[in-house]
């Protein structure tokens, strides 16, 4: 008898449901405005992003790699004035 972890393969529909189900859908301009206001209100990193599932826009916290890339770009820009 073999013991192991059973990993379920999610359907595209299930992935979409998890990715978009509890998020507000915006158009691009609305997402930019909502992210701006959320950043000002909370002080958190909140950015708009295009959703590959619903083709709309959502706002949320960016992954660490994205934050690091933004910080590096800002530092380069400040060095070169």
PDB file of N, CA and C in Angstrom:
ATOM      1  N   UNK A   1       0.834  -1.181   0.000  1.00  0.00           N
ATOM      2  CA  UNK A   1       0.000   0.000   0.000  1.00  0.00           C
ATOM      3  C   UNK A   1       0.880   1.247   0.000  1.00  0.00           C
ATOM      4  N   UNK A   2       0.583   2.159  -0.926  1.00  0.00           N
ATOM      5  CA  UNK A   2       1.376   3.375  -1.030  1.00  0.00           C
ATOM      6  C   UNK A   2       0.688   4.514  -0.299  1.00  0.00           C
ATOM      7  N   UNK A   3       1.473   5.266   0.420  1.00  0.00           N
ATOM      8  CA  UNK A   3       0.961   6.470   1.070  1.00  0.00           C
ATOM      9  C   UNK A   3       1.528   7.661   0.327  1.00  0.00           C
ATOM     10  N   UNK A   4       0.746   8.657   0.194  1.00  0.00           N
ATOM     11  CA  UNK A   4       1.220   9.850  -0.493  1.00  0.00           C
ATOM     12  C   UNK A   4       0.178  10.941  -0.433  1.00  0.00           C
ATOM     13  N   UNK A   5       0.575  12.064  -0.898  1.00  0.00           N
ATOM     14  CA  UNK A   5      -0.328  13.205  -0.931  1.00  0.00           C
ATOM     15  C   UNK A   5      -1.035  13.207  -2.274  1.00  0.00           C
ATOM     16  N   UNK A   6      -2.326  13.351  -2.220  1.00  0.00           N
ATOM     17  CA  UNK A   6      -3.105  13.426  -3.456  1.00  0.00           C
ATOM     18  C   UNK A   6      -3.292  14.893  -3.792  1.00  0.00           C
ATOM     19  N   UNK A   7      -2.782  15.298  -4.923  1.00  0.00           N
ATOM     20  CA  UNK A   7      -2.917  16.674  -5.371  1.00  0.00           C
ATOM     21  C   UNK A   7      -4.045  16.743  -6.388  1.00  0.00           C
ATOM     22  N   UNK A   8      -4.963  17.641  -6.171  1.00  0.00           N
ATOM     23  CA  UNK A   8      -6.061  17.767  -7.125  1.00  0.00           C
ATOM     24  C   UNK A   8      -5.663  18.719  -8.234  1.00  0.00           C
ATOM     25  N   UNK A   9      -6.087  18.405  -9.410  1.00  0.00           N
ATOM     26  CA  UNK A   9      -5.857  19.256 -10.566  1.00  0.00           C
ATOM     27  C   UNK A   9      -7.059  20.183 -10.683  1.00  0.00           C
ATOM     28  N   UNK A  10      -6.831  21.463 -10.546  1.00  0.00           N
ATOM     29  CA  UNK A  10      -7.934  22.416 -10.622  1.00  0.00           C
ATOM     30  C   UNK A  10      -8.309  22.681 -12.065  1.00  0.00           C
ATOM     31  N   UNK A  11      -9.590  22.778 -12.288  1.00  0.00           N
ATOM     32  CA  UNK A  11     -10.054  23.134 -13.618  1.00  0.00           C
ATOM     33  C   UNK A  11      -9.850  24.628 -13.826  1.00  0.00           C
ATOM     34  N   UNK A  12      -9.846  25.061 -15.061  1.00  0.00           N
ATOM     35  CA  UNK A  12      -9.710  26.487 -15.352  1.00  0.00           C
ATOM     36  C   UNK A  12     -10.850  27.270 -14.715  1.00  0.00           C
ATOM     37  N   UNK A  13     -12.021  26.691 -14.706  1.00  0.00           N
ATOM     38  CA  UNK A  13     -13.169  27.359 -14.095  1.00  0.00           C
ATOM     39  C   UNK A  13     -12.948  27.559 -12.594  1.00  0.00           C
ATOM     40  N   UNK A  14     -12.401  26.556 -11.922  1.00  0.00           N
ATOM     41  CA  UNK A  14     -12.145  26.663 -10.482  1.00  0.00           C
ATOM     42  C   UNK A  14     -11.062  27.696 -10.198  1.00  0.00           C
ATOM     43  N   UNK A  15     -10.039  27.720 -11.035  1.00  0.00           N
ATOM     44  CA  UNK A  15      -8.969  28.712 -10.869  1.00  0.00           C
ATOM     45  C   UNK A  15      -9.537  30.115 -11.036  1.00  0.00           C
ATOM     46  N   UNK A  16     -10.369  30.299 -12.050  1.00  0.00           N
ATOM     47  CA  UNK A  16     -10.981  31.609 -12.290  1.00  0.00           C
ATOM     48  C   UNK A  16     -11.854  32.011 -11.106  1.00  0.00           C
ATOM     49  N   UNK A  17     -12.618  31.074 -10.614  1.00  0.00           N
ATOM     50  CA  UNK A  17     -13.511  31.362  -9.504  1.00  0.00           C
ATOM     51  C   UNK A  17     -12.701  31.840  -8.287  1.00  0.00           C
ATOM     52  N   UNK A  18     -11.593  31.172  -8.008  1.00  0.00           N
ATOM     53  CA  UNK A  18     -10.751  31.579  -6.885  1.00  0.00           C
ATOM     54  C   UNK A  18     -10.073  32.918  -7.153  1.00  0.00           C
ATOM     55  N   UNK A  19      -9.681  33.156  -8.389  1.00  0.00           N
ATOM     56  CA  UNK A  19      -8.954  34.371  -8.725  1.00  0.00           C
ATOM     57  C   UNK A  19      -9.841  35.607  -8.728  1.00  0.00           C
ATOM     58  N   UNK A  20     -11.097  35.471  -9.101  1.00  0.00           N
ATOM     59  CA  UNK A  20     -11.950  36.644  -9.292  1.00  0.00           C
ATOM     60  C   UNK A  20     -13.181  36.707  -8.402  1.00  0.00           C
ATOM     61  N   UNK A  21     -13.550  35.640  -7.762  1.00  0.00           N
ATOM     62  CA  UNK A  21     -14.868  35.562  -7.124  1.00  0.00           C
ATOM     63  C   UNK A  21     -15.110  36.619  -6.056  1.00  0.00           C
ATOM     64  N   UNK A  22     -14.117  36.944  -5.271  1.00  0.00           N
ATOM     65  CA  UNK A  22     -14.323  37.906  -4.195  1.00  0.00           C
ATOM     66  C   UNK A  22     -13.700  39.263  -4.476  1.00  0.00           C
ATOM     67  N   UNK A  23     -13.418  39.527  -5.728  1.00  0.00           N
ATOM     68  CA  UNK A  23     -12.764  40.779  -6.090  1.00  0.00           C
ATOM     69  C   UNK A  23     -13.695  41.649  -6.911  1.00  0.00           C
ATOM     70  N   UNK A  24     -13.557  42.941  -6.717  1.00  0.00           N
ATOM     71  CA  UNK A  24     -14.344  43.882  -7.505  1.00  0.00           C
ATOM     72  C   UNK A  24     -13.687  44.053  -8.869  1.00  0.00           C
ATOM     73  N   UNK A  25     -14.498  44.050  -9.910  1.00  0.00           N
ATOM     74  CA  UNK A  25     -14.001  44.219 -11.275  1.00  0.00           C
ATOM     75  C   UNK A  25     -14.119  45.693 -11.655  1.00  0.00           C
ATOM     76  N   UNK A  26     -13.027  46.244 -12.161  1.00  0.00           N
ATOM     77  CA  UNK A  26     -12.964  47.638 -12.582  1.00  0.00           C
ATOM     78  C   UNK A  26     -12.579  47.711 -14.059  1.00  0.00           C
ATOM     79  N   UNK A  27     -12.812  48.878 -14.680  1.00  0.00           N
ATOM     80  CA  UNK A  27     -12.130  49.142 -15.943  1.00  0.00           C
ATOM     81  C   UNK A  27     -10.774  49.737 -15.554  1.00  0.00           C
ATOM     82  N   UNK A  28      -9.897  49.958 -16.502  1.00  0.00           N
ATOM     83  CA  UNK A  28      -8.528  50.355 -16.181  1.00  0.00           C
ATOM     84  C   UNK A  28      -8.460  51.671 -15.402  1.00  0.00           C
ATOM     85  N   UNK A  29      -9.180  52.676 -15.840  1.00  0.00           N
ATOM     86  CA  UNK A  29      -9.147  53.975 -15.158  1.00  0.00           C
ATOM     87  C   UNK A  29      -9.710  53.895 -13.744  1.00  0.00           C
ATOM     88  N   UNK A  30     -10.806  53.170 -13.574  1.00  0.00           N
ATOM     89  CA  UNK A  30     -11.393  53.003 -12.237  1.00  0.00           C
ATOM     90  C   UNK A  30     -10.420  52.295 -11.302  1.00  0.00           C
ATOM     91  N   UNK A  31      -9.705  51.288 -11.832  1.00  0.00           N
ATOM     92  CA  UNK A  31      -8.748  50.535 -11.014  1.00  0.00           C
ATOM     93  C   UNK A  31      -7.604  51.439 -10.561  1.00  0.00           C
ATOM     94  N   UNK A  32      -7.124  52.296 -11.456  1.00  0.00           N
ATOM     95  CA  UNK A  32      -6.050  53.221 -11.086  1.00  0.00           C
ATOM     96  C   UNK A  32      -6.502  54.152  -9.968  1.00  0.00           C
ATOM     97  N   UNK A  33      -7.709  54.689 -10.099  1.00  0.00           N
ATOM     98  CA  UNK A  33      -8.248  55.585  -9.075  1.00  0.00           C
ATOM     99  C   UNK A  33      -8.453  54.861  -7.745  1.00  0.00           C
ATOM    100  N   UNK A  34      -9.034  53.660  -7.804  1.00  0.00           N
ATOM    101  CA  UNK A  34      -9.297  52.893  -6.586  1.00  0.00           C
ATOM    102  C   UNK A  34      -7.993  52.528  -5.877  1.00  0.00           C
ATOM    103  N   UNK A  35      -6.969  52.135  -6.638  1.00  0.00           N
ATOM    104  CA  UNK A  35      -5.678  51.785  -6.050  1.00  0.00           C
ATOM    105  C   UNK A  35      -5.043  53.013  -5.394  1.00  0.00           C
ATOM    106  N   UNK A  36      -5.135  54.161  -6.055  1.00  0.00           N
ATOM    107  CA  UNK A  36      -4.585  55.402  -5.509  1.00  0.00           C
ATOM    108  C   UNK A  36      -5.238  55.724  -4.166  1.00  0.00           C
ATOM    109  N   UNK A  37      -6.563  55.685  -4.123  1.00  0.00           N
ATOM    110  CA  UNK A  37      -7.279  56.005  -2.894  1.00  0.00           C
ATOM    111  C   UNK A  37      -7.012  54.969  -1.788  1.00  0.00           C
ATOM    112  N   UNK A  38      -6.919  53.705  -2.159  1.00  0.00           N
ATOM    113  CA  UNK A  38      -6.625  52.656  -1.171  1.00  0.00           C
ATOM    114  C   UNK A  38      -5.222  52.837  -0.593  1.00  0.00           C
ATOM    115  N   UNK A  39      -4.250  53.195  -1.452  1.00  0.00           N
ATOM    116  CA  UNK A  39      -2.881  53.449  -0.977  1.00  0.00           C
ATOM    117  C   UNK A  39      -2.859  54.610   0.004  1.00  0.00           C
ATOM    118  N   UNK A  40      -3.566  55.679  -0.338  1.00  0.00           N
ATOM    119  CA  UNK A  40      -3.595  56.861   0.538  1.00  0.00           C
ATOM    120  C   UNK A  40      -4.274  56.556   1.872  1.00  0.00           C
ATOM    121  N   UNK A  41      -5.322  55.758   1.815  1.00  0.00           N
ATOM    122  CA  UNK A  41      -6.082  55.436   3.023  1.00  0.00           C
ATOM    123  C   UNK A  41      -5.305  54.506   3.953  1.00  0.00           C
ATOM    124  N   UNK A  42      -4.655  53.480   3.380  1.00  0.00           N
ATOM    125  CA  UNK A  42      -4.015  52.442   4.194  1.00  0.00           C
ATOM    126  C   UNK A  42      -2.516  52.600   4.346  1.00  0.00           C
ATOM    127  N   UNK A  43      -1.869  53.271   3.383  1.00  0.00           N
ATOM    128  CA  UNK A  43      -0.414  53.354   3.391  1.00  0.00           C
ATOM    129  C   UNK A  43       0.245  52.093   2.857  1.00  0.00           C
ATOM    130  N   UNK A  44      -0.549  51.109   2.439  1.00  0.00           N
ATOM    131  CA  UNK A  44      -0.022  49.848   1.907  1.00  0.00           C
ATOM    132  C   UNK A  44       0.313  49.985   0.426  1.00  0.00           C
ATOM    133  N   UNK A  45       1.105  49.029  -0.038  1.00  0.00           N
ATOM    134  CA  UNK A  45       1.374  48.910  -1.467  1.00  0.00           C
ATOM    135  C   UNK A  45       0.133  48.288  -2.099  1.00  0.00           C
ATOM    136  N   UNK A  46      -0.609  49.046  -2.854  1.00  0.00           N
ATOM    137  CA  UNK A  46      -1.783  48.523  -3.556  1.00  0.00           C
ATOM    138  C   UNK A  46      -1.716  49.037  -4.983  1.00  0.00           C
ATOM    139  N   UNK A  47      -1.749  48.112  -5.925  1.00  0.00           N
ATOM    140  CA  UNK A  47      -1.611  48.453  -7.337  1.00  0.00           C
ATOM    141  C   UNK A  47      -2.750  47.855  -8.153  1.00  0.00           C
ATOM    142  N   UNK A  48      -3.092  48.499  -9.278  1.00  0.00           N
ATOM    143  CA  UNK A  48      -4.063  47.898 -10.193  1.00  0.00           C
ATOM    144  C   UNK A  48      -3.372  46.860 -11.071  1.00  0.00           C
ATOM    145  N   UNK A  49      -4.110  45.833 -11.484  1.00  0.00           N
ATOM    146  CA  UNK A  49      -3.542  44.841 -12.400  1.00  0.00           C
ATOM    147  C   UNK A  49      -4.643  44.263 -13.277  1.00  0.00           C
ATOM    148  N   UNK A  50      -4.267  43.947 -14.500  1.00  0.00           N
ATOM    149  CA  UNK A  50      -5.194  43.336 -15.442  1.00  0.00           C
ATOM    150  C   UNK A  50      -5.363  41.858 -15.131  1.00  0.00           C
ATOM    151  N   UNK A  51      -6.610  41.384 -15.160  1.00  0.00           N
ATOM    152  CA  UNK A  51      -6.905  39.985 -14.847  1.00  0.00           C
ATOM    153  C   UNK A  51      -7.001  39.172 -16.135  1.00  0.00           C
ATOM    154  N   UNK A  52      -6.241  38.093 -16.192  1.00  0.00           N
ATOM    155  CA  UNK A  52      -6.251  37.262 -17.396  1.00  0.00           C
ATOM    156  C   UNK A  52      -7.502  36.400 -17.491  1.00  0.00           C
ATOM    157  N   UNK A  53      -8.254  36.285 -16.394  1.00  0.00           N
ATOM    158  CA  UNK A  53      -9.444  35.444 -16.411  1.00  0.00           C
ATOM    159  C   UNK A  53     -10.692  36.208 -16.837  1.00  0.00           C
ATOM    160  N   UNK A  54     -10.928  37.374 -16.207  1.00  0.00           N
ATOM    161  CA  UNK A  54     -12.164  38.111 -16.515  1.00  0.00           C
ATOM    162  C   UNK A  54     -11.926  39.250 -17.493  1.00  0.00           C
ATOM    163  N   UNK A  55     -10.663  39.507 -17.843  1.00  0.00           N
ATOM    164  CA  UNK A  55     -10.275  40.581 -18.763  1.00  0.00           C
ATOM    165  C   UNK A  55     -10.579  41.962 -18.199  1.00  0.00           C
ATOM    166  N   UNK A  56     -10.918  42.029 -16.919  1.00  0.00           N
ATOM    167  CA  UNK A  56     -11.133  43.306 -16.251  1.00  0.00           C
ATOM    168  C   UNK A  56      -9.900  43.662 -15.449  1.00  0.00           C
ATOM    169  N   UNK A  57     -10.067  44.564 -14.519  1.00  0.00           N
ATOM    170  CA  UNK A  57      -8.971  45.011 -13.663  1.00  0.00           C
ATOM    171  C   UNK A  57      -9.372  44.828 -12.205  1.00  0.00           C
ATOM    172  N   UNK A  58      -8.395  44.517 -11.361  1.00  0.00           N
ATOM    173  CA  UNK A  58      -8.579  44.412  -9.925  1.00  0.00           C
ATOM    174  C   UNK A  58      -7.478  45.236  -9.266  1.00  0.00           C
ATOM    175  N   UNK A  59      -7.559  45.398  -7.952  1.00  0.00           N
ATOM    176  CA  UNK A  59      -6.473  46.027  -7.213  1.00  0.00           C
ATOM    177  C   UNK A  59      -6.026  45.074  -6.117  1.00  0.00           C
ATOM    178  N   UNK A  60      -4.765  45.172  -5.756  1.00  0.00           N
ATOM    179  CA  UNK A  60      -4.266  44.305  -4.699  1.00  0.00           C
ATOM    180  C   UNK A  60      -2.815  44.565  -4.381  1.00  0.00           C
ATOM    181  N   UNK A  61      -2.319  43.836  -3.407  1.00  0.00           N
ATOM    182  CA  UNK A  61      -0.922  43.942  -3.004  1.00  0.00           C
ATOM    183  C   UNK A  61      -0.051  43.215  -4.031  1.00  0.00           C
ATOM    184  N   UNK A  62       1.000  43.854  -4.520  1.00  0.00           N
ATOM    185  CA  UNK A  62       1.868  43.190  -5.498  1.00  0.00           C
ATOM    186  C   UNK A  62       2.778  42.169  -4.829  1.00  0.00           C
ATOM    187  N   UNK A  63       3.223  41.172  -5.600  1.00  0.00           N
ATOM    188  CA  UNK A  63       4.193  40.203  -5.064  1.00  0.00           C
ATOM    189  C   UNK A  63       5.504  40.908  -4.685  1.00  0.00           C
ATOM    190  N   UNK A  64       6.259  40.292  -3.810  1.00  0.00           N
ATOM    191  CA  UNK A  64       7.522  40.871  -3.335  1.00  0.00           C
ATOM    192  C   UNK A  64       8.452  41.238  -4.497  1.00  0.00           C
ATOM    193  N   UNK A  65       8.555  40.387  -5.502  1.00  0.00           N
ATOM    194  CA  UNK A  65       9.456  40.669  -6.629  1.00  0.00           C
ATOM    195  C   UNK A  65       9.051  41.944  -7.358  1.00  0.00           C
ATOM    196  N   UNK A  66       7.773  42.182  -7.482  1.00  0.00           N
ATOM    197  CA  UNK A  66       7.292  43.398  -8.141  1.00  0.00           C
ATOM    198  C   UNK A  66       7.656  44.613  -7.289  1.00  0.00           C
ATOM    199  N   UNK A  67       7.440  44.529  -5.982  1.00  0.00           N
ATOM    200  CA  UNK A  67       7.801  45.638  -5.085  1.00  0.00           C
ATOM    201  C   UNK A  67       9.291  45.937  -5.177  1.00  0.00           C
ATOM    202  N   UNK A  68      10.112  44.885  -5.189  1.00  0.00           N
ATOM    203  CA  UNK A  68      11.556  45.079  -5.265  1.00  0.00           C
ATOM    204  C   UNK A  68      11.956  45.736  -6.581  1.00  0.00           C
ATOM    205  N   UNK A  69      11.312  45.352  -7.677  1.00  0.00           N
ATOM    206  CA  UNK A  69      11.613  45.947  -8.982  1.00  0.00           C
ATOM    207  C   UNK A  69      11.228  47.426  -9.007  1.00  0.00           C
ATOM    208  N   UNK A  70      10.101  47.766  -8.410  1.00  0.00           N
ATOM    209  CA  UNK A  70       9.667  49.169  -8.370  1.00  0.00           C
ATOM    210  C   UNK A  70      10.652  49.999  -7.552  1.00  0.00           C
ATOM    211  N   UNK A  71      11.068  49.481  -6.398  1.00  0.00           N
ATOM    212  CA  UNK A  71      12.017  50.195  -5.542  1.00  0.00           C
ATOM    213  C   UNK A  71      13.341  50.396  -6.268  1.00  0.00           C
ATOM    214  N   UNK A  72      13.832  49.363  -6.945  1.00  0.00           N
ATOM    215  CA  UNK A  72      15.095  49.463  -7.684  1.00  0.00           C
ATOM    216  C   UNK A  72      14.982  50.510  -8.794  1.00  0.00           C
ATOM    217  N   UNK A  73      13.862  50.531  -9.483  1.00  0.00           N
ATOM    218  CA  UNK A  73      13.657  51.509 -10.557  1.00  0.00           C
ATOM    219  C   UNK A  73      13.641  52.926  -9.990  1.00  0.00           C
ATOM    220  N   UNK A  74      12.986  53.120  -8.854  1.00  0.00           N
ATOM    221  CA  UNK A  74      12.940  54.439  -8.227  1.00  0.00           C
ATOM    222  C   UNK A  74      14.333  54.886  -7.793  1.00  0.00           C
ATOM    223  N   UNK A  75      15.127  53.955  -7.264  1.00  0.00           N
ATOM    224  CA  UNK A  75      16.489  54.292  -6.851  1.00  0.00           C
ATOM    225  C   UNK A  75      17.339  54.705  -8.039  1.00  0.00           C
ATOM    226  N   UNK A  76      17.213  53.956  -9.152  1.00  0.00           N
ATOM    227  CA  UNK A  76      17.957  54.315 -10.365  1.00  0.00           C
ATOM    228  C   UNK A  76      17.556  55.691 -10.872  1.00  0.00           C
ATOM    229  N   UNK A  77      16.260  55.959 -10.834  1.00  0.00           N
ATOM    230  CA  UNK A  77      15.751  57.237 -11.304  1.00  0.00           C
ATOM    231  C   UNK A  77      16.275  58.376 -10.429  1.00  0.00           C
ATOM    232  N   UNK A  78      16.333  58.167  -9.115  1.00  0.00           N
ATOM    233  CA  UNK A  78      16.821  59.198  -8.198  1.00  0.00           C
ATOM    234  C   UNK A  78      18.317  59.448  -8.366  1.00  0.00           C
ATOM    235  N   UNK A  79      19.074  58.402  -8.707  1.00  0.00           N
ATOM    236  CA  UNK A  79      20.508  58.563  -8.926  1.00  0.00           C
ATOM    237  C   UNK A  79      20.798  59.397 -10.172  1.00  0.00           C
ATOM    238  N   UNK A  80      19.953  59.233 -11.193  1.00  0.00           N
ATOM    239  CA  UNK A  80      20.187  59.921 -12.454  1.00  0.00           C
ATOM    240  C   UNK A  80      19.416  61.229 -12.567  1.00  0.00           C
ATOM    241  N   UNK A  81      18.712  61.592 -11.503  1.00  0.00           N
ATOM    242  CA  UNK A  81      18.010  62.866 -11.405  1.00  0.00           C
ATOM    243  C   UNK A  81      17.019  63.058 -12.425  1.00  0.00           C
TER     244      UNK A  81
END
